[in-house]
Amino acid sequence: MDMGRGSLDAKDAMTVEIVFAFVTGILLAAAVFAAAWIPALLLDVSEQTAKSMLMGGALLGAAAGMWRLVSVLLRFDADRRQGD
């Protein structure tokens, strides 16, 4: 079963793009979460406020990470369809 070199290159490119999207999504989610976590640690806030800040940071981080993942993969698909 011989897949052409072009087909193998396309699969490799897709694998690299998926890993790139996943890693950058995780990094963005971590950065957004840290932006909420650090002030909660440094500021003298009540326990309830700190929990709210952490929950909000987690939700915003998850949303930002998913947005990054989807946007990178959609951009890759659009470029692939145009033949770039």
PDB file of N, CA and C in Angstrom:
ATOM      1  N   MET A   1       0.833  -1.163   0.000  1.00  0.00           N
ATOM      2  CA  MET A   1       0.000   0.000   0.000  1.00  0.00           C
ATOM      3  C   MET A   1       0.884   1.234   0.000  1.00  0.00           C
ATOM      4  N   ASP A   2       1.105   1.807  -1.155  1.00  0.00           N
ATOM      5  CA  ASP A   2       1.995   2.949  -1.281  1.00  0.00           C
ATOM      6  C   ASP A   2       1.188   4.235  -1.341  1.00  0.00           C
ATOM      7  N   MET A   3       1.329   5.024  -0.303  1.00  0.00           N
ATOM      8  CA  MET A   3       0.729   6.348  -0.327  1.00  0.00           C
ATOM      9  C   MET A   3       1.753   7.259  -0.984  1.00  0.00           C
ATOM     10  N   GLY A   4       1.327   8.139  -1.820  1.00  0.00           N
ATOM     11  CA  GLY A   4       2.258   9.033  -2.482  1.00  0.00           C
ATOM     12  C   GLY A   4       2.980   9.923  -1.498  1.00  0.00           C
ATOM     13  N   ARG A   5       4.112  10.452  -1.919  1.00  0.00           N
ATOM     14  CA  ARG A   5       4.895  11.331  -1.053  1.00  0.00           C
ATOM     15  C   ARG A   5       4.071  12.561  -0.664  1.00  0.00           C
ATOM     16  N   GLY A   6       3.290  13.070  -1.596  1.00  0.00           N
ATOM     17  CA  GLY A   6       2.451  14.232  -1.302  1.00  0.00           C
ATOM     18  C   GLY A   6       1.430  13.938  -0.224  1.00  0.00           C
ATOM     19  N   SER A   7       0.867  12.737  -0.266  1.00  0.00           N
ATOM     20  CA  SER A   7      -0.113  12.344   0.743  1.00  0.00           C
ATOM     21  C   SER A   7       0.538  12.233   2.120  1.00  0.00           C
ATOM     22  N   LEU A   8       1.729  11.674   2.159  1.00  0.00           N
ATOM     23  CA  LEU A   8       2.457  11.550   3.423  1.00  0.00           C
ATOM     24  C   LEU A   8       2.834  12.932   3.957  1.00  0.00           C
ATOM     25  N   ASP A   9       3.266  13.811   3.076  1.00  0.00           N
ATOM     26  CA  ASP A   9       3.593  15.179   3.497  1.00  0.00           C
ATOM     27  C   ASP A   9       2.362  15.896   4.049  1.00  0.00           C
ATOM     28  N   ALA A  10       1.217  15.688   3.431  1.00  0.00           N
ATOM     29  CA  ALA A  10      -0.016  16.318   3.897  1.00  0.00           C
ATOM     30  C   ALA A  10      -0.397  15.801   5.281  1.00  0.00           C
ATOM     31  N   LYS A  11      -0.230  14.509   5.513  1.00  0.00           N
ATOM     32  CA  LYS A  11      -0.528  13.944   6.832  1.00  0.00           C
ATOM     33  C   LYS A  11       0.440  14.478   7.882  1.00  0.00           C
ATOM     34  N   ASP A  12       1.711  14.580   7.517  1.00  0.00           N
ATOM     35  CA  ASP A  12       2.699  15.126   8.451  1.00  0.00           C
ATOM     36  C   ASP A  12       2.394  16.580   8.783  1.00  0.00           C
ATOM     37  N   ALA A  13       2.019  17.347   7.773  1.00  0.00           N
ATOM     38  CA  ALA A  13       1.684  18.755   7.996  1.00  0.00           C
ATOM     39  C   ALA A  13       0.471  18.879   8.915  1.00  0.00           C
ATOM     40  N   MET A  14      -0.513  18.042   8.726  1.00  0.00           N
ATOM     41  CA  MET A  14      -1.700  18.073   9.574  1.00  0.00           C
ATOM     42  C   MET A  14      -1.339  17.693  11.013  1.00  0.00           C
ATOM     43  N   THR A  15      -0.486  16.715  11.187  1.00  0.00           N
ATOM     44  CA  THR A  15      -0.064  16.313  12.526  1.00  0.00           C
ATOM     45  C   THR A  15       0.661  17.454  13.226  1.00  0.00           C
ATOM     46  N   VAL A  16       1.571  18.083  12.519  1.00  0.00           N
ATOM     47  CA  VAL A  16       2.314  19.211  13.095  1.00  0.00           C
ATOM     48  C   VAL A  16       1.360  20.335  13.452  1.00  0.00           C
ATOM     49  N   GLU A  17       0.398  20.626  12.604  1.00  0.00           N
ATOM     50  CA  GLU A  17      -0.545  21.718  12.853  1.00  0.00           C
ATOM     51  C   GLU A  17      -1.441  21.410  14.047  1.00  0.00           C
ATOM     52  N   ILE A  18      -1.856  20.173  14.202  1.00  0.00           N
ATOM     53  CA  ILE A  18      -2.683  19.788  15.350  1.00  0.00           C
ATOM     54  C   ILE A  18      -1.897  19.955  16.643  1.00  0.00           C
ATOM     55  N   VAL A  19      -0.657  19.496  16.651  1.00  0.00           N
ATOM     56  CA  VAL A  19       0.176  19.626  17.848  1.00  0.00           C
ATOM     57  C   VAL A  19       0.425  21.102  18.153  1.00  0.00           C
ATOM     58  N   PHE A  20       0.719  21.898  17.118  1.00  0.00           N
ATOM     59  CA  PHE A  20       0.927  23.334  17.307  1.00  0.00           C
ATOM     60  C   PHE A  20      -0.318  23.987  17.904  1.00  0.00           C
ATOM     61  N   ALA A  21      -1.484  23.676  17.356  1.00  0.00           N
ATOM     62  CA  ALA A  21      -2.726  24.260  17.844  1.00  0.00           C
ATOM     63  C   ALA A  21      -2.979  23.848  19.296  1.00  0.00           C
ATOM     64  N   PHE A  22      -2.731  22.597  19.614  1.00  0.00           N
ATOM     65  CA  PHE A  22      -2.963  22.092  20.961  1.00  0.00           C
ATOM     66  C   PHE A  22      -2.026  22.753  21.969  1.00  0.00           C
ATOM     67  N   VAL A  23      -0.748  22.822  21.635  1.00  0.00           N
ATOM     68  CA  VAL A  23       0.242  23.390  22.555  1.00  0.00           C
ATOM     69  C   VAL A  23       0.002  24.884  22.762  1.00  0.00           C
ATOM     70  N   THR A  24      -0.222  25.624  21.680  1.00  0.00           N
ATOM     71  CA  THR A  24      -0.453  27.060  21.843  1.00  0.00           C
ATOM     72  C   THR A  24      -1.781  27.327  22.555  1.00  0.00           C
ATOM     73  N   GLY A  25      -2.766  26.462  22.356  1.00  0.00           N
ATOM     74  CA  GLY A  25      -4.024  26.596  23.092  1.00  0.00           C
ATOM     75  C   GLY A  25      -3.821  26.403  24.587  1.00  0.00           C
ATOM     76  N   ILE A  26      -3.024  25.418  24.951  1.00  0.00           N
ATOM     77  CA  ILE A  26      -2.726  25.171  26.364  1.00  0.00           C
ATOM     78  C   ILE A  26      -1.955  26.342  26.962  1.00  0.00           C
ATOM     79  N   LEU A  27      -0.969  26.858  26.227  1.00  0.00           N
ATOM     80  CA  LEU A  27      -0.190  27.991  26.735  1.00  0.00           C
ATOM     81  C   LEU A  27      -1.051  29.233  26.916  1.00  0.00           C
ATOM     82  N   LEU A  28      -1.938  29.487  25.964  1.00  0.00           N
ATOM     83  CA  LEU A  28      -2.831  30.641  26.092  1.00  0.00           C
ATOM     84  C   LEU A  28      -3.778  30.463  27.277  1.00  0.00           C
ATOM     85  N   ALA A  29      -4.321  29.269  27.425  1.00  0.00           N
ATOM     86  CA  ALA A  29      -5.217  29.003  28.560  1.00  0.00           C
ATOM     87  C   ALA A  29      -4.479  29.186  29.883  1.00  0.00           C
ATOM     88  N   ALA A  30      -3.240  28.718  29.959  1.00  0.00           N
ATOM     89  CA  ALA A  30      -2.458  28.872  31.187  1.00  0.00           C
ATOM     90  C   ALA A  30      -2.160  30.341  31.474  1.00  0.00           C
ATOM     91  N   ALA A  31      -1.865  31.110  30.433  1.00  0.00           N
ATOM     92  CA  ALA A  31      -1.579  32.532  30.628  1.00  0.00           C
ATOM     93  C   ALA A  31      -2.815  33.281  31.118  1.00  0.00           C
ATOM     94  N   VAL A  32      -3.969  32.979  30.552  1.00  0.00           N
ATOM     95  CA  VAL A  32      -5.203  33.640  30.981  1.00  0.00           C
ATOM     96  C   VAL A  32      -5.544  33.236  32.412  1.00  0.00           C
ATOM     97  N   PHE A  33      -5.381  31.963  32.735  1.00  0.00           N
ATOM     98  CA  PHE A  33      -5.641  31.505  34.102  1.00  0.00           C
ATOM     99  C   PHE A  33      -4.688  32.182  35.082  1.00  0.00           C
ATOM    100  N   ALA A  34      -3.412  32.281  34.714  1.00  0.00           N
ATOM    101  CA  ALA A  34      -2.425  32.918  35.589  1.00  0.00           C
ATOM    102  C   ALA A  34      -2.744  34.390  35.808  1.00  0.00           C
ATOM    103  N   ALA A  35      -3.299  35.028  34.780  1.00  0.00           N
ATOM    104  CA  ALA A  35      -3.669  36.438  34.918  1.00  0.00           C
ATOM    105  C   ALA A  35      -4.747  36.622  35.987  1.00  0.00           C
ATOM    106  N   ALA A  36      -5.557  35.629  36.217  1.00  0.00           N
ATOM    107  CA  ALA A  36      -6.571  35.702  37.275  1.00  0.00           C
ATOM    108  C   ALA A  36      -6.032  35.146  38.601  1.00  0.00           C
ATOM    109  N   TRP A  37      -5.148  34.178  38.530  1.00  0.00           N
ATOM    110  CA  TRP A  37      -4.654  33.512  39.735  1.00  0.00           C
ATOM    111  C   TRP A  37      -3.674  34.386  40.515  1.00  0.00           C
ATOM    112  N   ILE A  38      -2.772  35.057  39.809  1.00  0.00           N
ATOM    113  CA  ILE A  38      -1.748  35.851  40.484  1.00  0.00           C
ATOM    114  C   ILE A  38      -2.354  36.983  41.317  1.00  0.00           C
ATOM    115  N   PRO A  39      -3.290  37.770  40.773  1.00  0.00           N
ATOM    116  CA  PRO A  39      -3.885  38.801  41.643  1.00  0.00           C
ATOM    117  C   PRO A  39      -4.640  38.199  42.836  1.00  0.00           C
ATOM    118  N   ALA A  40      -5.252  37.051  42.641  1.00  0.00           N
ATOM    119  CA  ALA A  40      -5.962  36.420  43.755  1.00  0.00           C
ATOM    120  C   ALA A  40      -4.995  36.024  44.863  1.00  0.00           C
ATOM    121  N   LEU A  41      -3.771  35.662  44.494  1.00  0.00           N
ATOM    122  CA  LEU A  41      -2.775  35.307  45.497  1.00  0.00           C
ATOM    123  C   LEU A  41      -2.148  36.536  46.151  1.00  0.00           C
ATOM    124  N   LEU A  42      -1.882  37.548  45.339  1.00  0.00           N
ATOM    125  CA  LEU A  42      -1.150  38.709  45.837  1.00  0.00           C
ATOM    126  C   LEU A  42      -2.019  39.700  46.593  1.00  0.00           C
ATOM    127  N   LEU A  43      -3.265  39.852  46.187  1.00  0.00           N
ATOM    128  CA  LEU A  43      -4.143  40.809  46.844  1.00  0.00           C
ATOM    129  C   LEU A  43      -4.793  40.174  48.064  1.00  0.00           C
ATOM    130  N   ASP A  44      -5.067  40.992  49.011  1.00  0.00           N
ATOM    131  CA  ASP A  44      -5.727  40.508  50.231  1.00  0.00           C
ATOM    132  C   ASP A  44      -7.235  40.518  49.993  1.00  0.00           C
ATOM    133  N   VAL A  45      -7.724  39.424  49.392  1.00  0.00           N
ATOM    134  CA  VAL A  45      -9.147  39.319  49.092  1.00  0.00           C
ATOM    135  C   VAL A  45      -9.754  38.195  49.924  1.00  0.00           C
ATOM    136  N   SER A  46     -11.061  38.237  50.062  1.00  0.00           N
ATOM    137  CA  SER A  46     -11.727  37.190  50.833  1.00  0.00           C
ATOM    138  C   SER A  46     -11.624  35.848  50.101  1.00  0.00           C
ATOM    139  N   GLU A  47     -11.877  34.802  50.828  1.00  0.00           N
ATOM    140  CA  GLU A  47     -11.790  33.453  50.250  1.00  0.00           C
ATOM    141  C   GLU A  47     -12.798  33.275  49.112  1.00  0.00           C
ATOM    142  N   GLN A  48     -13.994  33.795  49.289  1.00  0.00           N
ATOM    143  CA  GLN A  48     -15.029  33.688  48.254  1.00  0.00           C
ATOM    144  C   GLN A  48     -14.615  34.443  46.994  1.00  0.00           C
ATOM    145  N   THR A  49     -14.044  35.630  47.154  1.00  0.00           N
ATOM    146  CA  THR A  49     -13.583  36.413  46.007  1.00  0.00           C
ATOM    147  C   THR A  49     -12.450  35.691  45.292  1.00  0.00           C
ATOM    148  N   ALA A  50     -11.534  35.114  46.047  1.00  0.00           N
ATOM    149  CA  ALA A  50     -10.419  34.377  45.459  1.00  0.00           C
ATOM    150  C   ALA A  50     -10.930  33.173  44.667  1.00  0.00           C
ATOM    151  N   LYS A  51     -11.908  32.453  45.215  1.00  0.00           N
ATOM    152  CA  LYS A  51     -12.496  31.316  44.496  1.00  0.00           C
ATOM    153  C   LYS A  51     -13.179  31.778  43.216  1.00  0.00           C
ATOM    154  N   SER A  52     -13.878  32.899  43.291  1.00  0.00           N
ATOM    155  CA  SER A  52     -14.553  33.443  42.108  1.00  0.00           C
ATOM    156  C   SER A  52     -13.546  33.849  41.040  1.00  0.00           C
ATOM    157  N   MET A  53     -12.456  34.472  41.466  1.00  0.00           N
ATOM    158  CA  MET A  53     -11.413  34.869  40.513  1.00  0.00           C
ATOM    159  C   MET A  53     -10.774  33.646  39.858  1.00  0.00           C
ATOM    160  N   LEU A  54     -10.539  32.620  40.642  1.00  0.00           N
ATOM    161  CA  LEU A  54      -9.950  31.401  40.093  1.00  0.00           C
ATOM    162  C   LEU A  54     -10.907  30.696  39.142  1.00  0.00           C
ATOM    163  N   MET A  55     -12.174  30.640  39.496  1.00  0.00           N
ATOM    164  CA  MET A  55     -13.166  30.005  38.625  1.00  0.00           C
ATOM    165  C   MET A  55     -13.321  30.800  37.333  1.00  0.00           C
ATOM    166  N   GLY A  56     -13.388  32.109  37.456  1.00  0.00           N
ATOM    167  CA  GLY A  56     -13.473  32.951  36.261  1.00  0.00           C
ATOM    168  C   GLY A  56     -12.252  32.799  35.379  1.00  0.00           C
ATOM    169  N   GLY A  57     -11.078  32.746  35.989  1.00  0.00           N
ATOM    170  CA  GLY A  57      -9.849  32.543  35.227  1.00  0.00           C
ATOM    171  C   GLY A  57      -9.824  31.195  34.534  1.00  0.00           C
ATOM    172  N   ALA A  58     -10.319  30.174  35.216  1.00  0.00           N
ATOM    173  CA  ALA A  58     -10.367  28.840  34.599  1.00  0.00           C
ATOM    174  C   ALA A  58     -11.326  28.817  33.413  1.00  0.00           C
ATOM    175  N   LEU A  59     -12.479  29.432  33.577  1.00  0.00           N
ATOM    176  CA  LEU A  59     -13.452  29.464  32.474  1.00  0.00           C
ATOM    177  C   LEU A  59     -12.935  30.280  31.293  1.00  0.00           C
ATOM    178  N   LEU A  60     -12.374  31.455  31.577  1.00  0.00           N
ATOM    179  CA  LEU A  60     -11.825  32.285  30.505  1.00  0.00           C
ATOM    180  C   LEU A  60     -10.625  31.601  29.841  1.00  0.00           C
ATOM    181  N   GLY A  61      -9.805  30.945  30.652  1.00  0.00           N
ATOM    182  CA  GLY A  61      -8.653  30.225  30.098  1.00  0.00           C
ATOM    183  C   GLY A  61      -9.083  29.091  29.184  1.00  0.00           C
ATOM    184  N   ALA A  62     -10.085  28.336  29.608  1.00  0.00           N
ATOM    185  CA  ALA A  62     -10.587  27.243  28.769  1.00  0.00           C
ATOM    186  C   ALA A  62     -11.179  27.775  27.472  1.00  0.00           C
ATOM    187  N   ALA A  63     -11.929  28.863  27.564  1.00  0.00           N
ATOM    188  CA  ALA A  63     -12.520  29.452  26.361  1.00  0.00           C
ATOM    189  C   ALA A  63     -11.438  29.972  25.416  1.00  0.00           C
ATOM    190  N   ALA A  64     -10.419  30.643  25.969  1.00  0.00           N
ATOM    191  CA  ALA A  64      -9.339  31.176  25.136  1.00  0.00           C
ATOM    192  C   ALA A  64      -8.546  30.043  24.486  1.00  0.00           C
ATOM    193  N   GLY A  65      -8.287  28.976  25.229  1.00  0.00           N
ATOM    194  CA  GLY A  65      -7.560  27.835  24.678  1.00  0.00           C
ATOM    195  C   GLY A  65      -8.328  27.153  23.562  1.00  0.00           C
ATOM    196  N   MET A  66      -9.615  26.976  23.755  1.00  0.00           N
ATOM    197  CA  MET A  66     -10.433  26.358  22.701  1.00  0.00           C
ATOM    198  C   MET A  66     -10.523  27.258  21.472  1.00  0.00           C
ATOM    199  N   TRP A  67     -10.647  28.573  21.705  1.00  0.00           N
ATOM    200  CA  TRP A  67     -10.673  29.511  20.584  1.00  0.00           C
ATOM    201  C   TRP A  67      -9.390  29.405  19.775  1.00  0.00           C
ATOM    202  N   ARG A  68      -8.248  29.343  20.452  1.00  0.00           N
ATOM    203  CA  ARG A  68      -6.959  29.236  19.760  1.00  0.00           C
ATOM    204  C   ARG A  68      -6.887  27.933  18.969  1.00  0.00           C
ATOM    205  N   LEU A  69      -7.266  26.845  19.574  1.00  0.00           N
ATOM    206  CA  LEU A  69      -7.228  25.545  18.914  1.00  0.00           C
ATOM    207  C   LEU A  69      -8.074  25.551  17.647  1.00  0.00           C
ATOM    208  N   VAL A  70      -9.299  26.005  17.763  1.00  0.00           N
ATOM    209  CA  VAL A  70     -10.217  26.009  16.619  1.00  0.00           C
ATOM    210  C   VAL A  70      -9.751  26.977  15.537  1.00  0.00           C
ATOM    211  N   SER A  71      -9.295  28.170  15.930  1.00  0.00           N
ATOM    212  CA  SER A  71      -8.898  29.153  14.924  1.00  0.00           C
ATOM    213  C   SER A  71      -7.668  28.698  14.143  1.00  0.00           C
ATOM    214  N   VAL A  72      -6.717  28.070  14.803  1.00  0.00           N
ATOM    215  CA  VAL A  72      -5.523  27.578  14.099  1.00  0.00           C
ATOM    216  C   VAL A  72      -5.905  26.469  13.129  1.00  0.00           C
ATOM    217  N   LEU A  73      -6.741  25.550  13.560  1.00  0.00           N
ATOM    218  CA  LEU A  73      -7.121  24.441  12.675  1.00  0.00           C
ATOM    219  C   LEU A  73      -7.992  24.913  11.512  1.00  0.00           C
ATOM    220  N   LEU A  74      -8.873  25.870  11.743  1.00  0.00           N
ATOM    221  CA  LEU A  74      -9.679  26.404  10.641  1.00  0.00           C
ATOM    222  C   LEU A  74      -8.811  27.155   9.634  1.00  0.00           C
ATOM    223  N   ARG A  75      -7.848  27.907  10.142  1.00  0.00           N
ATOM    224  CA  ARG A  75      -6.931  28.616   9.242  1.00  0.00           C
ATOM    225  C   ARG A  75      -6.110  27.625   8.418  1.00  0.00           C
ATOM    226  N   PHE A  76      -5.638  26.560   9.053  1.00  0.00           N
ATOM    227  CA  PHE A  76      -4.872  25.541   8.333  1.00  0.00           C
ATOM    228  C   PHE A  76      -5.730  24.888   7.251  1.00  0.00           C
ATOM    229  N   ASP A  77      -6.997  24.582   7.589  1.00  0.00           N
ATOM    230  CA  ASP A  77      -7.884  23.957   6.607  1.00  0.00           C
ATOM    231  C   ASP A  77      -8.149  24.890   5.432  1.00  0.00           C
ATOM    232  N   ALA A  78      -8.354  26.175   5.707  1.00  0.00           N
ATOM    233  CA  ALA A  78      -8.585  27.133   4.628  1.00  0.00           C
ATOM    234  C   ALA A  78      -7.350  27.241   3.730  1.00  0.00           C
ATOM    235  N   ASP A  79      -6.160  27.282   4.333  1.00  0.00           N
ATOM    236  CA  ASP A  79      -4.925  27.339   3.543  1.00  0.00           C
ATOM    237  C   ASP A  79      -4.746  26.072   2.722  1.00  0.00           C
ATOM    238  N   ARG A  80      -5.074  24.927   3.307  1.00  0.00           N
ATOM    239  CA  ARG A  80      -4.925  23.657   2.599  1.00  0.00           C
ATOM    240  C   ARG A  80      -5.868  23.584   1.414  1.00  0.00           C
ATOM    241  N   ARG A  81      -7.082  24.073   1.583  1.00  0.00           N
ATOM    242  CA  ARG A  81      -8.054  24.050   0.486  1.00  0.00           C
ATOM    243  C   ARG A  81      -7.660  24.985  -0.657  1.00  0.00           C
ATOM    244  N   GLN A  82      -6.951  26.071  -0.315  1.00  0.00           N
ATOM    245  CA  GLN A  82      -6.489  26.986  -1.358  1.00  0.00           C
ATOM    246  C   GLN A  82      -5.217  26.497  -2.028  1.00  0.00           C
ATOM    247  N   GLY A  83      -4.592  25.480  -1.442  1.00  0.00           N
ATOM    248  CA  GLY A  83      -3.396  24.900  -2.033  1.00  0.00           C
ATOM    249  C   GLY A  83      -2.113  25.554  -1.603  1.00  0.00           C
ATOM    250  N   ASP A  84      -2.140  26.316  -0.513  1.00  0.00           N
ATOM    251  CA  ASP A  84      -0.919  26.961  -0.034  1.00  0.00           C
ATOM    252  C   ASP A  84      -0.050  26.006   0.728  1.00  0.00           C
TER     253      ASP A  84
END
